[in-house]
Amino acid sequence: MISVFEAVERVQELLAHYKHANGSLVTPIHVTGRNGLIHVMQQAYGVPVEFAVVPWESTYLKGCVFRYGRPGRLERAEIYCPASLSVAWTRFVICKELAHLLLDGPESFTDDPLTMAASLIASPVFARVGQGAPEYVFAVAATEMLIPWQRRYVLGKFTWGRRAHRRAAEHFGVPDEVAELRLKRGYRGMIERHYRDLETFAA
């Protein structure tokens, strides 16, 4: 299984392409549209990625990505989100599925999506890796796409005060739960250690 460190490294590579396309990492990060993360990923990695909102209701499964190609070669991908999601959750889910395209190896692919969905439903997205949460690393990657390390000083403005995580969520365009996680001392310490090892991206 890919590590959080490896995920952070790949996210920073994607954000470098994003910064080149947009001139900065000013938040909120664009996800769809011209020079959004989907478009940047297509340009940087040469993989066409289509996104669609579909009229499905799901209590547990909030998004999915379908990959097409030959063994060892990804030729195109499709990301789907239910129309019932808020804008903030849609942005986060798209990024989590982009993280799968960035990080997954062939061992993660399946032609039995029902069994895979059942395994994911049984595990909370933000559960710790050690507790058997296959989506944790991808949730971290999505969080780091939308709240880039380079904008940590902006994030710091939301560390104190009532409803700090809600104000952070509004600024970065992420769900309240994601902002709350990013502001927690344990998460901040964990992610800081990884970025300290990636000195190139610390500025």
C-alpha atoms as a PDB file:
ATOM      1  CA  MET A   1       0.000   0.000   0.000  1.00  0.00           C
ATOM      2  CA  ILE A   2       1.303   3.460  -0.855  1.00  0.00           C
ATOM      3  CA  SER A   3       2.479   5.576   2.075  1.00  0.00           C
ATOM      4  CA  VAL A   4       1.294   9.036   3.085  1.00  0.00           C
ATOM      5  CA  PHE A   5       4.789  10.337   2.288  1.00  0.00           C
ATOM      6  CA  GLU A   6       4.586   9.006  -1.273  1.00  0.00           C
ATOM      7  CA  ALA A   7       1.087  10.464  -1.624  1.00  0.00           C
ATOM      8  CA  VAL A   8       2.244  13.884  -0.466  1.00  0.00           C
ATOM      9  CA  GLU A   9       5.150  13.777  -2.906  1.00  0.00           C
ATOM     10  CA  ARG A  10       2.890  12.972  -5.866  1.00  0.00           C
ATOM     11  CA  VAL A  11       0.370  15.641  -4.850  1.00  0.00           C
ATOM     12  CA  GLN A  12       3.146  18.220  -4.815  1.00  0.00           C
ATOM     13  CA  GLU A  13       4.152  17.168  -8.330  1.00  0.00           C
ATOM     14  CA  LEU A  14       0.564  17.714  -9.498  1.00  0.00           C
ATOM     15  CA  LEU A  15       0.349  21.072  -7.709  1.00  0.00           C
ATOM     16  CA  ALA A  16       3.587  22.161  -9.393  1.00  0.00           C
ATOM     17  CA  HIS A  17       1.894  21.585 -12.754  1.00  0.00           C
ATOM     18  CA  TYR A  18      -1.190  23.429 -11.454  1.00  0.00           C
ATOM     19  CA  LYS A  19       0.917  26.398 -10.367  1.00  0.00           C
ATOM     20  CA  HIS A  20       2.613  26.500 -13.767  1.00  0.00           C
ATOM     21  CA  ALA A  21      -0.777  26.558 -15.505  1.00  0.00           C
ATOM     22  CA  ASN A  22      -2.371  29.136 -13.182  1.00  0.00           C
ATOM     23  CA  GLY A  23       0.576  31.230 -12.045  1.00  0.00           C
ATOM     24  CA  SER A  24      -0.048  30.609  -8.337  1.00  0.00           C
ATOM     25  CA  LEU A  25      -1.629  28.370  -5.715  1.00  0.00           C
ATOM     26  CA  VAL A  26      -4.113  30.990  -4.577  1.00  0.00           C
ATOM     27  CA  THR A  27      -7.042  29.285  -2.891  1.00  0.00           C
ATOM     28  CA  PRO A  28      -9.629  28.017  -3.419  1.00  0.00           C
ATOM     29  CA  ILE A  29      -7.904  25.626  -5.814  1.00  0.00           C
ATOM     30  CA  HIS A  30      -9.808  25.158  -9.059  1.00  0.00           C
ATOM     31  CA  VAL A  31     -10.886  21.564  -9.602  1.00  0.00           C
ATOM     32  CA  THR A  32     -13.002  21.655 -12.769  1.00  0.00           C
ATOM     33  CA  GLY A  33     -12.943  24.039 -15.705  1.00  0.00           C
ATOM     34  CA  ARG A  34     -10.008  25.538 -17.546  1.00  0.00           C
ATOM     35  CA  ASN A  35      -6.738  24.911 -15.721  1.00  0.00           C
ATOM     36  CA  GLY A  36      -8.526  23.096 -12.895  1.00  0.00           C
ATOM     37  CA  LEU A  37      -6.915  20.011 -11.386  1.00  0.00           C
ATOM     38  CA  ILE A  38      -8.733  17.680 -13.793  1.00  0.00           C
ATOM     39  CA  HIS A  39      -7.468  19.620 -16.823  1.00  0.00           C
ATOM     40  CA  VAL A  40      -3.969  19.960 -15.368  1.00  0.00           C
ATOM     41  CA  MET A  41      -3.767  16.239 -14.732  1.00  0.00           C
ATOM     42  CA  GLN A  42      -4.803  15.524 -18.310  1.00  0.00           C
ATOM     43  CA  GLN A  43      -2.145  17.863 -19.664  1.00  0.00           C
ATOM     44  CA  ALA A  44       0.620  16.738 -17.309  1.00  0.00           C
ATOM     45  CA  TYR A  45       0.104  12.987 -17.502  1.00  0.00           C
ATOM     46  CA  GLY A  46      -1.519  12.581 -20.902  1.00  0.00           C
ATOM     47  CA  VAL A  47      -4.599  10.779 -19.572  1.00  0.00           C
ATOM     48  CA  PRO A  48      -8.019  12.093 -20.655  1.00  0.00           C
ATOM     49  CA  VAL A  49     -10.230  12.427 -17.583  1.00  0.00           C
ATOM     50  CA  GLU A  50     -13.966  13.014 -17.889  1.00  0.00           C
ATOM     51  CA  PHE A  51     -16.142  14.135 -14.997  1.00  0.00           C
ATOM     52  CA  ALA A  52     -19.908  13.890 -14.626  1.00  0.00           C
ATOM     53  CA  VAL A  53     -22.512  14.441 -11.935  1.00  0.00           C
ATOM     54  CA  VAL A  54     -25.095  11.666 -12.044  1.00  0.00           C
ATOM     55  CA  PRO A  55     -28.565  11.328 -10.472  1.00  0.00           C
ATOM     56  CA  TRP A  56     -27.821   8.587  -8.010  1.00  0.00           C
ATOM     57  CA  GLU A  57     -28.580   8.548  -4.295  1.00  0.00           C
ATOM     58  CA  SER A  58     -26.025   6.842  -2.090  1.00  0.00           C
ATOM     59  CA  THR A  59     -25.609   6.897   1.658  1.00  0.00           C
ATOM     60  CA  TYR A  60     -22.109   5.431   1.602  1.00  0.00           C
ATOM     61  CA  LEU A  61     -20.469   5.575  -1.826  1.00  0.00           C
ATOM     62  CA  LYS A  62     -19.822   9.238  -2.673  1.00  0.00           C
ATOM     63  CA  GLY A  63     -17.908   8.863  -5.902  1.00  0.00           C
ATOM     64  CA  CYS A  64     -16.088   6.470  -8.186  1.00  0.00           C
ATOM     65  CA  VAL A  65     -13.506   6.388 -10.928  1.00  0.00           C
ATOM     66  CA  PHE A  66     -13.494   4.033 -13.919  1.00  0.00           C
ATOM     67  CA  ARG A  67     -10.180   3.374 -15.660  1.00  0.00           C
ATOM     68  CA  TYR A  68      -9.785   2.099 -19.184  1.00  0.00           C
ATOM     69  CA  GLY A  69      -6.699   0.822 -20.929  1.00  0.00           C
ATOM     70  CA  ARG A  70      -4.387  -2.096 -21.376  1.00  0.00           C
ATOM     71  CA  PRO A  71      -2.190  -3.808 -18.771  1.00  0.00           C
ATOM     72  CA  GLY A  72       0.360  -1.267 -17.581  1.00  0.00           C
ATOM     73  CA  ARG A  73      -1.164   1.574 -19.616  1.00  0.00           C
ATOM     74  CA  LEU A  74      -3.984   3.879 -18.493  1.00  0.00           C
ATOM     75  CA  GLU A  75      -5.656   5.367 -21.557  1.00  0.00           C
ATOM     76  CA  ARG A  76      -8.585   7.294 -20.087  1.00  0.00           C
ATOM     77  CA  ALA A  77     -10.636   7.674 -16.929  1.00  0.00           C
ATOM     78  CA  GLU A  78     -14.127   8.727 -15.889  1.00  0.00           C
ATOM     79  CA  ILE A  79     -15.048  10.227 -12.500  1.00  0.00           C
ATOM     80  CA  TYR A  80     -18.642  10.215 -11.272  1.00  0.00           C
ATOM     81  CA  CYS A  81     -20.243  11.957  -8.277  1.00  0.00           C
ATOM     82  CA  PRO A  82     -23.873  11.890  -7.142  1.00  0.00           C
ATOM     83  CA  ALA A  83     -25.882  15.071  -7.738  1.00  0.00           C
ATOM     84  CA  SER A  84     -26.910  15.061  -4.080  1.00  0.00           C
ATOM     85  CA  LEU A  85     -23.433  16.131  -2.911  1.00  0.00           C
ATOM     86  CA  SER A  86     -22.732  19.720  -1.913  1.00  0.00           C
ATOM     87  CA  VAL A  87     -20.252  21.731  -3.988  1.00  0.00           C
ATOM     88  CA  ALA A  88     -17.600  21.317  -1.276  1.00  0.00           C
ATOM     89  CA  TRP A  89     -18.050  17.546  -1.075  1.00  0.00           C
ATOM     90  CA  THR A  90     -18.062  17.251  -4.871  1.00  0.00           C
ATOM     91  CA  ARG A  91     -14.717  19.075  -5.011  1.00  0.00           C
ATOM     92  CA  PHE A  92     -13.272  16.789  -2.358  1.00  0.00           C
ATOM     93  CA  VAL A  93     -14.564  13.583  -3.938  1.00  0.00           C
ATOM     94  CA  ILE A  94     -13.197  14.567  -7.356  1.00  0.00           C
ATOM     95  CA  CYS A  95      -9.784  15.127  -5.788  1.00  0.00           C
ATOM     96  CA  LYS A  96      -9.936  11.817  -3.955  1.00  0.00           C
ATOM     97  CA  GLU A  97     -10.649  10.036  -7.235  1.00  0.00           C
ATOM     98  CA  LEU A  98      -7.837  11.988  -8.926  1.00  0.00           C
ATOM     99  CA  ALA A  99      -5.623  10.733  -6.116  1.00  0.00           C
ATOM    100  CA  HIS A 100      -6.486   7.176  -7.132  1.00  0.00           C
ATOM    101  CA  LEU A 101      -5.304   7.956 -10.670  1.00  0.00           C
ATOM    102  CA  LEU A 102      -2.083   9.456  -9.282  1.00  0.00           C
ATOM    103  CA  LEU A 103      -1.293   6.776  -6.734  1.00  0.00           C
ATOM    104  CA  ASP A 104      -2.901   3.445  -7.599  1.00  0.00           C
ATOM    105  CA  GLY A 105      -0.904   0.618  -9.081  1.00  0.00           C
ATOM    106  CA  PRO A 106      -2.283  -2.335 -11.062  1.00  0.00           C
ATOM    107  CA  GLU A 107      -2.820  -4.251  -7.809  1.00  0.00           C
ATOM    108  CA  SER A 108      -5.547  -1.743  -6.910  1.00  0.00           C
ATOM    109  CA  PHE A 109      -7.584  -2.316 -10.075  1.00  0.00           C
ATOM    110  CA  THR A 110     -10.646  -4.524 -10.099  1.00  0.00           C
ATOM    111  CA  ASP A 111     -13.252  -5.827 -12.490  1.00  0.00           C
ATOM    112  CA  ASP A 112     -15.516  -6.566  -9.519  1.00  0.00           C
ATOM    113  CA  PRO A 113     -16.611  -3.077  -8.370  1.00  0.00           C
ATOM    114  CA  LEU A 114     -19.415  -4.373  -6.107  1.00  0.00           C
ATOM    115  CA  THR A 115     -16.994  -6.264  -3.875  1.00  0.00           C
ATOM    116  CA  MET A 116     -14.642  -3.284  -3.767  1.00  0.00           C
ATOM    117  CA  ALA A 117     -17.509  -0.927  -2.890  1.00  0.00           C
ATOM    118  CA  ALA A 118     -18.555  -3.194  -0.037  1.00  0.00           C
ATOM    119  CA  SER A 119     -15.034  -3.137   1.422  1.00  0.00           C
ATOM    120  CA  LEU A 120     -14.889   0.657   1.232  1.00  0.00           C
ATOM    121  CA  ILE A 121     -18.300   1.130   2.819  1.00  0.00           C
ATOM    122  CA  ALA A 122     -17.125  -0.893   5.803  1.00  0.00           C
ATOM    123  CA  SER A 123     -14.290   1.565   6.516  1.00  0.00           C
ATOM    124  CA  PRO A 124     -14.620   5.293   7.377  1.00  0.00           C
ATOM    125  CA  VAL A 125     -12.759   7.543   4.927  1.00  0.00           C
ATOM    126  CA  PHE A 126     -10.609   9.184   7.595  1.00  0.00           C
ATOM    127  CA  ALA A 127      -9.954   6.116   9.746  1.00  0.00           C
ATOM    128  CA  ARG A 128      -6.293   5.574  10.525  1.00  0.00           C
ATOM    129  CA  VAL A 129      -4.295   3.412   8.133  1.00  0.00           C
ATOM    130  CA  GLY A 130      -3.369   1.044  10.930  1.00  0.00           C
ATOM    131  CA  GLN A 131      -7.052   0.338  11.493  1.00  0.00           C
ATOM    132  CA  GLY A 132      -7.464  -0.941   7.947  1.00  0.00           C
ATOM    133  CA  ALA A 133      -8.841   2.036   6.030  1.00  0.00           C
ATOM    134  CA  PRO A 134      -7.898   1.648   2.358  1.00  0.00           C
ATOM    135  CA  GLU A 135      -9.155   5.147   1.516  1.00  0.00           C
ATOM    136  CA  TYR A 136      -7.227   7.050   4.193  1.00  0.00           C
ATOM    137  CA  VAL A 137      -4.165   7.840   2.071  1.00  0.00           C
ATOM    138  CA  PHE A 138      -6.365   9.027  -0.794  1.00  0.00           C
ATOM    139  CA  ALA A 139      -8.393  11.235   1.565  1.00  0.00           C
ATOM    140  CA  VAL A 140      -5.150  12.779   2.817  1.00  0.00           C
ATOM    141  CA  ALA A 141      -4.021  13.339  -0.785  1.00  0.00           C
ATOM    142  CA  ALA A 142      -7.307  15.064  -1.625  1.00  0.00           C
ATOM    143  CA  THR A 143      -7.011  17.239   1.478  1.00  0.00           C
ATOM    144  CA  GLU A 144      -3.493  18.275   0.481  1.00  0.00           C
ATOM    145  CA  MET A 145      -4.638  19.135  -3.042  1.00  0.00           C
ATOM    146  CA  LEU A 146      -7.312  21.502  -1.784  1.00  0.00           C
ATOM    147  CA  ILE A 147      -5.411  22.901   1.222  1.00  0.00           C
ATOM    148  CA  PRO A 148      -1.861  23.026  -0.154  1.00  0.00           C
ATOM    149  CA  TRP A 149       1.112  23.044   2.171  1.00  0.00           C
ATOM    150  CA  GLN A 150       2.241  26.254   0.469  1.00  0.00           C
ATOM    151  CA  ARG A 151      -0.913  27.939   1.852  1.00  0.00           C
ATOM    152  CA  ARG A 152      -0.352  26.819   5.430  1.00  0.00           C
ATOM    153  CA  TYR A 153       0.125  30.405   6.582  1.00  0.00           C
ATOM    154  CA  VAL A 154      -3.353  31.246   5.312  1.00  0.00           C
ATOM    155  CA  LEU A 155      -4.671  28.149   7.071  1.00  0.00           C
ATOM    156  CA  GLY A 156      -3.022  29.385  10.250  1.00  0.00           C
ATOM    157  CA  LYS A 157      -5.410  32.329  10.326  1.00  0.00           C
ATOM    158  CA  PHE A 158      -8.223  29.886  11.037  1.00  0.00           C
ATOM    159  CA  THR A 159      -6.551  28.054  13.906  1.00  0.00           C
ATOM    160  CA  TRP A 160      -8.239  30.053  16.673  1.00  0.00           C
ATOM    161  CA  GLY A 161     -11.702  31.277  17.432  1.00  0.00           C
ATOM    162  CA  ARG A 162     -15.199  29.925  17.330  1.00  0.00           C
ATOM    163  CA  ARG A 163     -16.138  27.923  14.274  1.00  0.00           C
ATOM    164  CA  ALA A 164     -12.563  28.206  12.995  1.00  0.00           C
ATOM    165  CA  HIS A 165     -12.895  25.070  10.891  1.00  0.00           C
ATOM    166  CA  ARG A 166     -16.056  26.407   9.237  1.00  0.00           C
ATOM    167  CA  ARG A 167     -14.318  29.614   8.243  1.00  0.00           C
ATOM    168  CA  ALA A 168     -11.409  27.565   6.890  1.00  0.00           C
ATOM    169  CA  ALA A 169     -13.832  25.330   5.004  1.00  0.00           C
ATOM    170  CA  GLU A 170     -15.445  28.327   3.322  1.00  0.00           C
ATOM    171  CA  HIS A 171     -12.094  29.821   2.344  1.00  0.00           C
ATOM    172  CA  PHE A 172     -10.627  26.641   0.867  1.00  0.00           C
ATOM    173  CA  GLY A 173     -13.887  25.288  -0.573  1.00  0.00           C
ATOM    174  CA  VAL A 174     -13.807  22.025   1.365  1.00  0.00           C
ATOM    175  CA  PRO A 175     -16.315  20.228   3.603  1.00  0.00           C
ATOM    176  CA  ASP A 176     -16.374  21.249   7.277  1.00  0.00           C
ATOM    177  CA  GLU A 177     -15.132  17.787   8.246  1.00  0.00           C
ATOM    178  CA  VAL A 178     -12.061  18.103   6.013  1.00  0.00           C
ATOM    179  CA  ALA A 179     -11.134  21.529   7.388  1.00  0.00           C
ATOM    180  CA  GLU A 180     -11.642  20.274  10.929  1.00  0.00           C
ATOM    181  CA  LEU A 181      -9.304  17.340  10.274  1.00  0.00           C
ATOM    182  CA  ARG A 182      -6.644  19.574   8.690  1.00  0.00           C
ATOM    183  CA  LEU A 183      -6.675  21.872  11.725  1.00  0.00           C
ATOM    184  CA  LYS A 184      -6.252  19.090  14.276  1.00  0.00           C
ATOM    185  CA  ARG A 185      -2.895  19.058  16.033  1.00  0.00           C
ATOM    186  CA  GLY A 186      -2.293  15.385  15.291  1.00  0.00           C
ATOM    187  CA  TYR A 187      -2.861  15.799  11.562  1.00  0.00           C
ATOM    188  CA  ARG A 188      -0.811  18.993  11.425  1.00  0.00           C
ATOM    189  CA  GLY A 189       2.106  17.295  13.143  1.00  0.00           C
ATOM    190  CA  MET A 190       1.895  14.234  10.899  1.00  0.00           C
ATOM    191  CA  ILE A 191       1.779  16.205   7.667  1.00  0.00           C
ATOM    192  CA  GLU A 192       4.495  18.618   8.788  1.00  0.00           C
ATOM    193  CA  ARG A 193       6.884  15.717   9.327  1.00  0.00           C
ATOM    194  CA  HIS A 194       6.299  14.517   5.785  1.00  0.00           C
ATOM    195  CA  TYR A 195       6.808  17.961   4.273  1.00  0.00           C
ATOM    196  CA  ARG A 196       9.954  18.455   6.317  1.00  0.00           C
ATOM    197  CA  ASP A 197      11.313  15.474   4.391  1.00  0.00           C
ATOM    198  CA  LEU A 198      10.280  17.159   1.145  1.00  0.00           C
ATOM    199  CA  GLU A 199      12.372  20.278   1.632  1.00  0.00           C
ATOM    200  CA  THR A 200      11.980  21.227  -2.011  1.00  0.00           C
ATOM    201  CA  PHE A 201       8.303  21.920  -1.431  1.00  0.00           C
ATOM    202  CA  ALA A 202       8.560  23.605   1.968  1.00  0.00           C
ATOM    203  CA  ALA A 203       8.566  27.164   0.647  1.00  0.00           C
END
